[in-house]
N, C-alpha and C. Protein backbone atom coordinates (compact mmCIF):
# COMPACT_ATOMS: atom_id res chain seq x y z
N MET A 1 117.87 111.22 70.98
CA MET A 1 118.05 110.73 72.33
C MET A 1 116.98 111.34 73.23
N THR A 2 116.34 110.49 74.06
CA THR A 2 115.30 110.98 74.96
C THR A 2 115.89 111.28 76.32
N THR A 3 115.24 112.19 77.03
CA THR A 3 115.67 112.54 78.38
C THR A 3 114.94 111.66 79.37
N MET A 4 115.67 110.94 80.19
CA MET A 4 115.06 110.07 81.18
C MET A 4 114.59 110.89 82.36
N MET A 5 113.43 110.54 82.87
CA MET A 5 112.84 111.18 84.02
C MET A 5 113.61 110.81 85.27
N HIS A 6 113.84 111.77 86.14
CA HIS A 6 114.45 111.50 87.45
C HIS A 6 113.31 111.17 88.41
N ILE A 7 113.41 110.04 89.04
CA ILE A 7 112.34 109.55 89.90
C ILE A 7 112.73 109.70 91.37
N LYS A 8 111.79 110.22 92.15
CA LYS A 8 111.90 110.21 93.60
C LYS A 8 110.81 109.27 94.07
N ALA A 9 111.21 108.08 94.52
CA ALA A 9 110.23 107.05 94.85
C ALA A 9 110.11 106.84 96.35
N ARG A 10 108.87 106.62 96.77
CA ARG A 10 108.55 106.25 98.16
C ARG A 10 107.87 104.90 98.07
N LEU A 11 108.50 103.87 98.65
CA LEU A 11 107.95 102.52 98.59
C LEU A 11 107.22 102.17 99.87
N VAL A 12 106.06 101.53 99.71
CA VAL A 12 105.25 101.09 100.84
C VAL A 12 104.94 99.62 100.63
N PRO A 13 105.48 98.72 101.44
CA PRO A 13 106.38 98.98 102.55
C PRO A 13 107.83 99.13 102.07
N TRP A 14 108.56 99.95 102.74
CA TRP A 14 109.96 100.20 102.37
C TRP A 14 110.89 99.15 102.96
N ASP A 15 110.40 98.40 103.94
CA ASP A 15 111.27 97.44 104.64
C ASP A 15 111.09 95.99 104.16
N ASP A 16 110.55 95.81 102.96
CA ASP A 16 110.44 94.49 102.35
C ASP A 16 111.53 94.41 101.28
N PRO A 17 112.67 93.78 101.58
CA PRO A 17 113.79 93.80 100.64
C PRO A 17 113.47 93.16 99.30
N ASP A 18 112.61 92.15 99.28
CA ASP A 18 112.25 91.52 98.00
C ASP A 18 111.45 92.48 97.12
N PHE A 19 110.52 93.21 97.74
CA PHE A 19 109.73 94.18 96.99
C PHE A 19 110.60 95.33 96.50
N VAL A 20 111.48 95.81 97.36
CA VAL A 20 112.38 96.90 96.97
C VAL A 20 113.23 96.47 95.78
N ARG A 21 113.77 95.27 95.84
CA ARG A 21 114.61 94.76 94.74
C ARG A 21 113.78 94.58 93.47
N ALA A 22 112.56 94.08 93.60
CA ALA A 22 111.69 93.91 92.43
C ALA A 22 111.42 95.27 91.78
N PHE A 23 111.20 96.30 92.61
CA PHE A 23 110.99 97.65 92.07
C PHE A 23 112.24 98.14 91.35
N GLU A 24 113.39 97.97 91.98
CA GLU A 24 114.64 98.42 91.36
C GLU A 24 114.88 97.73 90.02
N LEU A 25 114.63 96.43 89.96
CA LEU A 25 114.83 95.69 88.71
C LEU A 25 113.83 96.15 87.64
N ALA A 26 112.59 96.36 88.03
CA ALA A 26 111.57 96.80 87.07
C ALA A 26 111.89 98.21 86.55
N ARG A 27 112.35 99.06 87.43
CA ARG A 27 112.70 100.42 87.01
C ARG A 27 113.91 100.40 86.08
N GLU A 28 114.92 99.61 86.41
CA GLU A 28 116.10 99.50 85.56
C GLU A 28 115.73 98.95 84.19
N ALA A 29 114.89 97.92 84.17
CA ALA A 29 114.47 97.33 82.90
C ALA A 29 113.71 98.35 82.05
N THR A 30 112.87 99.14 82.69
CA THR A 30 112.11 100.16 81.96
C THR A 30 113.05 101.23 81.42
N GLU A 31 113.99 101.66 82.24
CA GLU A 31 114.94 102.68 81.81
C GLU A 31 115.81 102.18 80.66
N GLN A 32 116.28 100.95 80.74
CA GLN A 32 117.14 100.40 79.70
C GLN A 32 116.40 100.10 78.41
N SER A 33 115.10 99.85 78.50
CA SER A 33 114.32 99.53 77.30
C SER A 33 114.07 100.76 76.45
N ASP A 34 114.17 101.94 77.04
CA ASP A 34 113.93 103.20 76.33
C ASP A 34 112.52 103.25 75.74
N CYS A 35 111.60 102.50 76.36
CA CYS A 35 110.23 102.46 75.84
C CYS A 35 109.42 103.68 76.22
N CYS A 36 109.69 104.24 77.37
CA CYS A 36 108.82 105.29 77.87
C CYS A 36 109.56 106.18 78.86
N PRO A 37 110.15 107.25 78.38
CA PRO A 37 110.97 108.09 79.25
C PRO A 37 110.20 109.01 80.19
N ASP A 38 108.90 109.20 79.96
CA ASP A 38 108.19 110.14 80.82
C ASP A 38 107.63 109.47 82.05
N GLY A 39 107.30 110.23 83.05
CA GLY A 39 106.87 109.73 84.35
C GLY A 39 105.68 108.79 84.32
N PRO A 40 104.52 109.22 83.82
CA PRO A 40 103.35 108.33 83.86
C PRO A 40 103.52 107.06 83.04
N ARG A 41 104.07 107.15 81.87
CA ARG A 41 104.23 105.94 81.05
C ARG A 41 105.27 104.99 81.66
N ALA A 42 106.34 105.55 82.17
CA ALA A 42 107.35 104.72 82.82
C ALA A 42 106.75 104.06 84.07
N ALA A 43 105.98 104.81 84.84
CA ALA A 43 105.34 104.25 86.03
C ALA A 43 104.38 103.13 85.65
N GLU A 44 103.65 103.32 84.58
CA GLU A 44 102.73 102.28 84.12
C GLU A 44 103.49 101.00 83.76
N ARG A 45 104.61 101.16 83.08
CA ARG A 45 105.43 100.00 82.71
C ARG A 45 106.02 99.32 83.94
N VAL A 46 106.53 100.08 84.90
CA VAL A 46 107.08 99.50 86.11
C VAL A 46 105.98 98.78 86.89
N GLN A 47 104.82 99.39 86.99
CA GLN A 47 103.69 98.76 87.68
C GLN A 47 103.34 97.43 87.01
N HIS A 48 103.30 97.41 85.69
CA HIS A 48 103.02 96.18 84.94
C HIS A 48 104.07 95.11 85.26
N LEU A 49 105.34 95.48 85.25
CA LEU A 49 106.41 94.52 85.54
C LEU A 49 106.33 94.00 86.98
N LEU A 50 105.99 94.87 87.92
CA LEU A 50 105.83 94.42 89.31
C LEU A 50 104.69 93.41 89.42
N ARG A 51 103.59 93.70 88.75
CA ARG A 51 102.45 92.78 88.80
C ARG A 51 102.79 91.44 88.16
N GLU A 52 103.49 91.48 87.05
CA GLU A 52 103.93 90.24 86.40
C GLU A 52 104.94 89.49 87.27
N GLY A 53 105.70 90.21 88.06
CA GLY A 53 106.77 89.63 88.87
C GLY A 53 106.34 89.12 90.23
N GLY A 54 105.04 89.01 90.47
CA GLY A 54 104.60 88.42 91.72
C GLY A 54 103.93 89.37 92.70
N TYR A 55 103.69 90.59 92.28
CA TYR A 55 103.01 91.57 93.12
C TYR A 55 101.75 92.05 92.39
N PRO A 56 100.71 91.19 92.33
CA PRO A 56 99.53 91.49 91.50
C PRO A 56 98.74 92.72 91.93
N ARG A 57 98.93 93.17 93.16
CA ARG A 57 98.20 94.35 93.63
C ARG A 57 99.07 95.60 93.66
N ALA A 58 100.28 95.52 93.10
CA ALA A 58 101.18 96.68 93.10
C ALA A 58 100.51 97.85 92.38
N ARG A 59 100.76 99.04 92.91
CA ARG A 59 100.16 100.25 92.34
C ARG A 59 101.15 101.39 92.48
N ILE A 60 101.23 102.22 91.45
CA ILE A 60 102.12 103.39 91.49
C ILE A 60 101.29 104.63 91.24
N GLU A 61 101.44 105.60 92.13
CA GLU A 61 100.83 106.92 91.97
C GLU A 61 101.94 107.89 91.58
N VAL A 62 101.66 108.75 90.60
CA VAL A 62 102.64 109.72 90.13
C VAL A 62 102.15 111.11 90.47
N ARG A 63 103.05 111.90 91.06
CA ARG A 63 102.74 113.29 91.39
C ARG A 63 103.86 114.16 90.83
N GLN A 64 103.45 115.28 90.23
CA GLN A 64 104.46 116.11 89.57
C GLN A 64 103.90 117.53 89.38
N THR A 65 104.69 118.52 89.76
CA THR A 65 104.31 119.91 89.52
C THR A 65 104.75 120.30 88.10
N VAL A 66 104.30 121.42 87.64
CA VAL A 66 104.72 121.91 86.33
C VAL A 66 106.23 122.10 86.29
N GLU A 67 106.78 122.70 87.35
CA GLU A 67 108.21 122.93 87.41
C GLU A 67 108.98 121.61 87.34
N GLU A 68 108.48 120.63 88.08
CA GLU A 68 109.13 119.32 88.06
C GLU A 68 109.06 118.68 86.68
N ALA A 69 107.94 118.84 86.00
CA ALA A 69 107.81 118.29 84.65
C ALA A 69 108.85 118.92 83.72
N LEU A 70 109.03 120.22 83.84
CA LEU A 70 110.02 120.90 83.01
C LEU A 70 111.44 120.46 83.35
N GLU A 71 111.66 120.08 84.61
CA GLU A 71 112.98 119.63 85.05
C GLU A 71 113.13 118.11 84.96
N HIS A 72 112.10 117.44 84.44
CA HIS A 72 112.10 115.98 84.28
C HIS A 72 112.27 115.26 85.61
N VAL A 73 111.48 115.69 86.60
CA VAL A 73 111.47 115.06 87.92
C VAL A 73 110.04 114.59 88.19
N SER A 74 109.92 113.41 88.77
CA SER A 74 108.62 112.85 89.08
C SER A 74 108.67 112.17 90.43
N HIS A 75 107.59 112.29 91.21
CA HIS A 75 107.48 111.63 92.51
C HIS A 75 106.55 110.43 92.36
N TRP A 76 107.05 109.28 92.74
CA TRP A 76 106.25 108.07 92.69
C TRP A 76 106.00 107.55 94.09
N SER A 77 104.77 107.17 94.37
CA SER A 77 104.44 106.40 95.56
C SER A 77 104.13 104.99 95.05
N VAL A 78 104.93 104.04 95.50
CA VAL A 78 104.84 102.67 95.00
C VAL A 78 104.32 101.79 96.13
N PHE A 79 103.14 101.21 95.91
CA PHE A 79 102.48 100.41 96.93
C PHE A 79 102.50 98.94 96.53
N ARG A 80 102.97 98.10 97.42
CA ARG A 80 103.03 96.66 97.16
C ARG A 80 101.64 96.04 97.13
N ASP A 81 100.78 96.48 98.05
CA ASP A 81 99.46 95.84 98.22
C ASP A 81 98.30 96.74 97.84
N GLY A 82 98.49 97.53 96.81
CA GLY A 82 97.43 98.39 96.31
C GLY A 82 97.17 99.53 97.15
């Protein structure tokens, strides 16, 4: 069994309900697929799903300290328009 990364996400823009929902669905799909439990790989998969889902310029930046990596925590900045 793999340990899923805990994500702290900041969405830009945060007030676009369609984009927020697309992110939530992409993240849930990635988590349920068990394809990539770590931060960067999971972010890459979510970014890919967002781009396929109608946000071709979506971009995710991942930031993580050593302590956070050991605690399986990752900070994502998710941008709708690159």
